[in-house]
Amino acid sequence: METVAIVLSVGQDRVDEFETGFREHEVPVWEDLRARGLLARATLNRLDISSRPVSGATQYLVVVTFTSGEVHHVHDQHPGFSAWNEMADAYQVGEPLAFGGETVVSLGE
């Protein structure tokens, strides 16, 4: 398993638009990958705590656990994600932070 986490800094004036777009465009990609047995878990979290806040932004943590490291590339090449990724860039007012690697310990779902 591989877990990828990304922090996005969305302009406070575009939060509703971003969340609606995320539900419309990225969630179907997650559902597709999950139905194919490639995605174990995925969440979008609005952050109340951040050690790297961005002025004028609401920050989000996107966490996805894939069933293998190769699936991360399947996700990134998914046509739905490619389209959403371009749209999502317009909402951001700060550089995204990305992290990922082999999942060592997992508890719960």
N, C-alpha and C. Protein backbone atom coordinates (compact mmCIF):
# COMPACT_ATOMS: atom_id res chain seq x y z
N MET A 1 0.84 -1.19 0.00
CA MET A 1 0.00 0.00 0.00
C MET A 1 0.88 1.24 0.00
N GLU A 2 0.36 2.30 -0.60
CA GLU A 2 1.04 3.58 -0.64
C GLU A 2 0.04 4.67 -0.25
N THR A 3 0.50 5.58 0.60
CA THR A 3 -0.34 6.71 1.01
C THR A 3 0.26 7.98 0.45
N VAL A 4 -0.61 8.81 -0.12
CA VAL A 4 -0.21 10.11 -0.65
C VAL A 4 -1.04 11.16 0.08
N ALA A 5 -0.36 12.23 0.54
CA ALA A 5 -1.03 13.33 1.21
C ALA A 5 -0.62 14.63 0.54
N ILE A 6 -1.60 15.48 0.31
CA ILE A 6 -1.35 16.77 -0.34
C ILE A 6 -2.08 17.85 0.46
N VAL A 7 -1.39 18.95 0.71
CA VAL A 7 -2.01 20.11 1.34
C VAL A 7 -2.23 21.15 0.25
N LEU A 8 -3.49 21.56 0.11
CA LEU A 8 -3.86 22.58 -0.87
C LEU A 8 -4.29 23.84 -0.14
N SER A 9 -3.90 24.99 -0.64
CA SER A 9 -4.27 26.28 -0.07
C SER A 9 -5.21 26.98 -1.04
N VAL A 10 -6.49 26.94 -0.72
CA VAL A 10 -7.54 27.46 -1.59
C VAL A 10 -7.95 28.85 -1.12
N GLY A 11 -8.06 29.77 -2.06
CA GLY A 11 -8.50 31.12 -1.72
C GLY A 11 -9.82 31.09 -0.97
N GLN A 12 -9.90 31.85 0.11
CA GLN A 12 -11.10 31.82 0.96
C GLN A 12 -12.37 32.21 0.19
N ASP A 13 -12.23 32.98 -0.86
CA ASP A 13 -13.39 33.37 -1.66
C ASP A 13 -13.82 32.29 -2.65
N ARG A 14 -13.08 31.16 -2.71
CA ARG A 14 -13.39 30.10 -3.68
C ARG A 14 -13.65 28.75 -3.02
N VAL A 15 -13.81 28.74 -1.69
CA VAL A 15 -13.96 27.49 -0.95
C VAL A 15 -15.16 26.68 -1.42
N ASP A 16 -16.33 27.31 -1.51
CA ASP A 16 -17.53 26.58 -1.93
C ASP A 16 -17.36 26.01 -3.34
N GLU A 17 -16.82 26.81 -4.22
CA GLU A 17 -16.59 26.39 -5.60
C GLU A 17 -15.61 25.22 -5.65
N PHE A 18 -14.54 25.29 -4.86
CA PHE A 18 -13.57 24.21 -4.80
C PHE A 18 -14.20 22.91 -4.29
N GLU A 19 -14.92 23.00 -3.18
CA GLU A 19 -15.51 21.79 -2.60
C GLU A 19 -16.54 21.17 -3.54
N THR A 20 -17.32 22.00 -4.20
CA THR A 20 -18.30 21.49 -5.18
C THR A 20 -17.57 20.81 -6.33
N GLY A 21 -16.54 21.45 -6.85
CA GLY A 21 -15.76 20.87 -7.95
C GLY A 21 -15.10 19.57 -7.54
N PHE A 22 -14.59 19.52 -6.31
CA PHE A 22 -13.94 18.30 -5.83
C PHE A 22 -14.94 17.15 -5.81
N ARG A 23 -16.13 17.42 -5.29
CA ARG A 23 -17.17 16.37 -5.23
C ARG A 23 -17.58 15.92 -6.63
N GLU A 24 -17.68 16.87 -7.55
CA GLU A 24 -18.13 16.57 -8.91
C GLU A 24 -17.08 15.87 -9.76
N HIS A 25 -15.81 16.18 -9.54
CA HIS A 25 -14.76 15.70 -10.44
C HIS A 25 -13.81 14.68 -9.84
N GLU A 26 -13.35 14.89 -8.61
CA GLU A 26 -12.37 13.97 -8.03
C GLU A 26 -13.03 12.77 -7.36
N VAL A 27 -14.15 12.98 -6.68
CA VAL A 27 -14.80 11.86 -6.01
C VAL A 27 -15.17 10.74 -7.00
N PRO A 28 -15.68 11.04 -8.20
CA PRO A 28 -15.94 9.96 -9.15
C PRO A 28 -14.68 9.18 -9.54
N VAL A 29 -13.53 9.85 -9.60
CA VAL A 29 -12.27 9.15 -9.86
C VAL A 29 -11.97 8.19 -8.72
N TRP A 30 -12.12 8.66 -7.49
CA TRP A 30 -11.92 7.80 -6.32
C TRP A 30 -12.87 6.60 -6.36
N GLU A 31 -14.13 6.86 -6.69
CA GLU A 31 -15.12 5.77 -6.74
C GLU A 31 -14.74 4.75 -7.80
N ASP A 32 -14.28 5.20 -8.94
CA ASP A 32 -13.85 4.30 -10.02
C ASP A 32 -12.68 3.44 -9.55
N LEU A 33 -11.67 4.07 -8.97
CA LEU A 33 -10.50 3.30 -8.51
C LEU A 33 -10.85 2.35 -7.38
N ARG A 34 -11.74 2.78 -6.51
CA ARG A 34 -12.15 1.88 -5.41
C ARG A 34 -12.91 0.67 -5.95
N ALA A 35 -13.80 0.90 -6.91
CA ALA A 35 -14.58 -0.20 -7.51
C ALA A 35 -13.65 -1.20 -8.21
N ARG A 36 -12.51 -0.72 -8.69
CA ARG A 36 -11.55 -1.59 -9.37
C ARG A 36 -10.55 -2.22 -8.39
N GLY A 37 -10.72 -1.96 -7.09
CA GLY A 37 -9.85 -2.54 -6.08
C GLY A 37 -8.49 -1.88 -5.99
N LEU A 38 -8.38 -0.64 -6.46
CA LEU A 38 -7.09 0.06 -6.51
C LEU A 38 -6.93 1.10 -5.41
N LEU A 39 -8.02 1.52 -4.82
CA LEU A 39 -7.99 2.56 -3.80
C LEU A 39 -8.57 1.99 -2.51
N ALA A 40 -7.82 2.09 -1.42
CA ALA A 40 -8.28 1.56 -0.14
C ALA A 40 -9.07 2.59 0.65
N ARG A 41 -8.63 3.84 0.61
CA ARG A 41 -9.26 4.89 1.42
C ARG A 41 -8.86 6.25 0.87
N ALA A 42 -9.77 7.23 0.98
CA ALA A 42 -9.46 8.58 0.52
C ALA A 42 -10.31 9.57 1.30
N THR A 43 -9.71 10.71 1.66
CA THR A 43 -10.44 11.75 2.38
C THR A 43 -10.01 13.13 1.91
N LEU A 44 -10.95 14.06 2.01
CA LEU A 44 -10.67 15.48 1.86
C LEU A 44 -11.00 16.10 3.20
N ASN A 45 -10.03 16.80 3.79
CA ASN A 45 -10.18 17.36 5.12
C ASN A 45 -9.90 18.86 5.11
N ARG A 46 -10.81 19.65 5.67
CA ARG A 46 -10.55 21.07 5.84
C ARG A 46 -9.71 21.21 7.11
N LEU A 47 -8.58 21.89 7.00
CA LEU A 47 -7.63 21.96 8.11
C LEU A 47 -7.95 23.11 9.07
N ASP A 48 -7.96 22.77 10.35
CA ASP A 48 -8.05 23.77 11.41
C ASP A 48 -6.68 24.02 12.03
N ILE A 49 -5.74 23.11 11.79
CA ILE A 49 -4.39 23.20 12.32
C ILE A 49 -3.43 23.10 11.15
N SER A 50 -2.46 24.02 11.10
CA SER A 50 -1.44 23.97 10.06
C SER A 50 -0.18 24.64 10.57
N SER A 51 0.94 23.98 10.37
CA SER A 51 2.21 24.60 10.73
C SER A 51 2.74 25.50 9.60
N ARG A 52 2.02 25.49 8.45
CA ARG A 52 2.39 26.34 7.32
C ARG A 52 1.14 27.02 6.75
N PRO A 53 0.51 27.87 7.55
CA PRO A 53 -0.69 28.55 7.04
C PRO A 53 -0.34 29.48 5.88
N VAL A 54 -1.32 29.72 5.03
CA VAL A 54 -1.16 30.65 3.91
C VAL A 54 -2.22 31.73 4.07
N SER A 55 -1.78 32.97 4.11
CA SER A 55 -2.69 34.09 4.30
C SER A 55 -3.75 34.11 3.20
N GLY A 56 -5.00 34.29 3.61
CA GLY A 56 -6.10 34.37 2.64
C GLY A 56 -6.57 33.03 2.12
N ALA A 57 -6.08 31.94 2.72
CA ALA A 57 -6.42 30.61 2.22
C ALA A 57 -7.11 29.76 3.28
N THR A 58 -7.95 28.87 2.82
CA THR A 58 -8.42 27.75 3.60
C THR A 58 -7.61 26.56 3.12
N GLN A 59 -7.01 25.85 4.05
CA GLN A 59 -6.16 24.73 3.65
C GLN A 59 -6.92 23.41 3.76
N TYR A 60 -6.61 22.53 2.83
CA TYR A 60 -7.22 21.20 2.77
C TYR A 60 -6.11 20.16 2.75
N LEU A 61 -6.39 19.05 3.41
CA LEU A 61 -5.51 17.89 3.37
C LEU A 61 -6.23 16.80 2.59
N VAL A 62 -5.63 16.37 1.50
CA VAL A 62 -6.14 15.25 0.71
C VAL A 62 -5.25 14.06 1.04
N VAL A 63 -5.86 12.96 1.50
CA VAL A 63 -5.11 11.76 1.85
C VAL A 63 -5.73 10.58 1.10
N VAL A 64 -4.90 9.88 0.35
CA VAL A 64 -5.37 8.73 -0.42
C VAL A 64 -4.43 7.56 -0.15
N THR A 65 -5.01 6.41 0.17
CA THR A 65 -4.23 5.19 0.32
C THR A 65 -4.57 4.27 -0.84
N PHE A 66 -3.56 4.02 -1.66
CA PHE A 66 -3.70 3.14 -2.82
C PHE A 66 -3.27 1.73 -2.44
N THR A 67 -3.76 0.75 -3.16
CA THR A 67 -3.42 -0.64 -2.85
C THR A 67 -2.00 -1.01 -3.24
N SER A 68 -1.36 -0.18 -4.07
CA SER A 68 0.06 -0.39 -4.42
C SER A 68 0.63 0.93 -4.90
N GLY A 69 1.94 1.00 -4.96
CA GLY A 69 2.61 2.21 -5.42
C GLY A 69 2.31 2.55 -6.87
N GLU A 70 2.07 1.54 -7.68
CA GLU A 70 1.79 1.77 -9.10
C GLU A 70 0.46 2.47 -9.31
N VAL A 71 -0.47 2.28 -8.40
CA VAL A 71 -1.82 2.84 -8.57
C VAL A 71 -1.80 4.37 -8.50
N HIS A 72 -0.85 4.92 -7.80
CA HIS A 72 -0.73 6.37 -7.76
C HIS A 72 -0.62 6.92 -9.18
N HIS A 73 0.14 6.24 -10.03
CA HIS A 73 0.29 6.67 -11.42
C HIS A 73 -1.00 6.44 -12.21
N VAL A 74 -1.72 5.37 -11.90
CA VAL A 74 -3.02 5.12 -12.55
C VAL A 74 -3.96 6.28 -12.23
N HIS A 75 -3.95 6.72 -10.98
CA HIS A 75 -4.78 7.85 -10.57
C HIS A 75 -4.39 9.11 -11.34
N ASP A 76 -3.10 9.41 -11.37
CA ASP A 76 -2.65 10.65 -11.99
C ASP A 76 -2.88 10.67 -13.50
N GLN A 77 -3.00 9.49 -14.12
CA GLN A 77 -3.25 9.41 -15.56
C GLN A 77 -4.74 9.26 -15.88
N HIS A 78 -5.57 9.17 -14.85
CA HIS A 78 -7.02 9.03 -15.04
C HIS A 78 -7.55 10.31 -15.71
N PRO A 79 -8.33 10.18 -16.79
CA PRO A 79 -8.83 11.37 -17.49
C PRO A 79 -9.62 12.32 -16.58
N GLY A 80 -10.37 11.77 -15.65
CA GLY A 80 -11.14 12.61 -14.72
C GLY A 80 -10.23 13.43 -13.83
N PHE A 81 -9.15 12.82 -13.35
CA PHE A 81 -8.21 13.56 -12.51
C PHE A 81 -7.47 14.62 -13.32
N SER A 82 -7.06 14.28 -14.51
CA SER A 82 -6.33 15.25 -15.34
C SER A 82 -7.15 16.52 -15.54
N ALA A 83 -8.44 16.35 -15.82
CA ALA A 83 -9.32 17.51 -16.03
C ALA A 83 -9.48 18.29 -14.72
N TRP A 84 -9.72 17.57 -13.63
CA TRP A 84 -9.91 18.23 -12.34
C TRP A 84 -8.64 18.94 -11.89
N ASN A 85 -7.50 18.34 -12.09
CA ASN A 85 -6.24 18.92 -11.65
C ASN A 85 -6.02 20.30 -12.28
N GLU A 86 -6.35 20.44 -13.55
CA GLU A 86 -6.23 21.74 -14.21
C GLU A 86 -7.16 22.76 -13.59
N MET A 87 -8.41 22.35 -13.34
CA MET A 87 -9.39 23.26 -12.73
C MET A 87 -8.96 23.65 -11.31
N ALA A 88 -8.50 22.68 -10.54
CA ALA A 88 -8.16 22.91 -9.14
C ALA A 88 -7.02 23.89 -8.98
N ASP A 89 -6.11 23.93 -9.93
CA ASP A 89 -4.99 24.87 -9.85
C ASP A 89 -5.48 26.31 -9.74
N ALA A 90 -6.60 26.62 -10.37
CA ALA A 90 -7.12 27.99 -10.38
C ALA A 90 -7.60 28.43 -9.00
N TYR A 91 -7.93 27.50 -8.12
CA TYR A 91 -8.44 27.85 -6.79
C TYR A 91 -7.32 28.12 -5.79
N GLN A 92 -6.11 27.71 -6.10
CA GLN A 92 -5.03 27.75 -5.13
C GLN A 92 -4.33 29.11 -5.10
N VAL A 93 -4.02 29.55 -3.88
CA VAL A 93 -3.32 30.82 -3.68
C VAL A 93 -1.94 30.60 -3.06
N GLY A 94 -1.54 29.35 -2.95
CA GLY A 94 -0.23 29.00 -2.42
C GLY A 94 0.24 27.71 -3.06
N GLU A 95 1.51 27.44 -2.95
CA GLU A 95 2.07 26.21 -3.51
C GLU A 95 1.56 25.00 -2.73
N PRO A 96 1.13 23.96 -3.43
CA PRO A 96 0.71 22.74 -2.72
C PRO A 96 1.92 22.04 -2.11
N LEU A 97 1.67 21.31 -1.05
CA LEU A 97 2.68 20.46 -0.43
C LEU A 97 2.27 19.02 -0.68
N ALA A 98 3.19 18.19 -1.14
CA ALA A 98 2.86 16.80 -1.45
C ALA A 98 3.84 15.86 -0.74
N PHE A 99 3.28 14.76 -0.24
CA PHE A 99 4.05 13.75 0.46
C PHE A 99 3.51 12.38 0.06
N GLY A 100 4.35 11.37 0.07
CA GLY A 100 3.84 10.04 -0.22
C GLY A 100 4.89 8.98 0.01
N GLY A 101 4.41 7.76 0.20
CA GLY A 101 5.31 6.64 0.37
C GLY A 101 4.58 5.40 0.85
N GLU A 102 5.35 4.37 1.07
CA GLU A 102 4.82 3.09 1.51
C GLU A 102 4.11 3.23 2.85
N THR A 103 2.91 2.67 2.93
CA THR A 103 2.17 2.67 4.18
C THR A 103 2.76 1.59 5.08
N VAL A 104 3.24 1.99 6.26
CA VAL A 104 3.91 1.08 7.17
C VAL A 104 2.96 0.49 8.20
N VAL A 105 2.08 1.34 8.75
CA VAL A 105 1.12 0.91 9.76
C VAL A 105 -0.23 1.50 9.38
N SER A 106 -1.28 0.71 9.44
CA SER A 106 -2.62 1.18 9.14
C SER A 106 -3.58 0.53 10.14
N LEU A 107 -4.51 1.32 10.66
CA LEU A 107 -5.49 0.83 11.61
C LEU A 107 -6.86 1.36 11.19
N GLY A 108 -7.86 0.55 11.28
CA GLY A 108 -9.21 0.99 10.91
C GLY A 108 -9.56 0.57 9.51
N GLU A 109 -10.48 1.36 8.93
CA GLU A 109 -10.98 1.03 7.59
C GLU A 109 -9.86 0.84 6.60
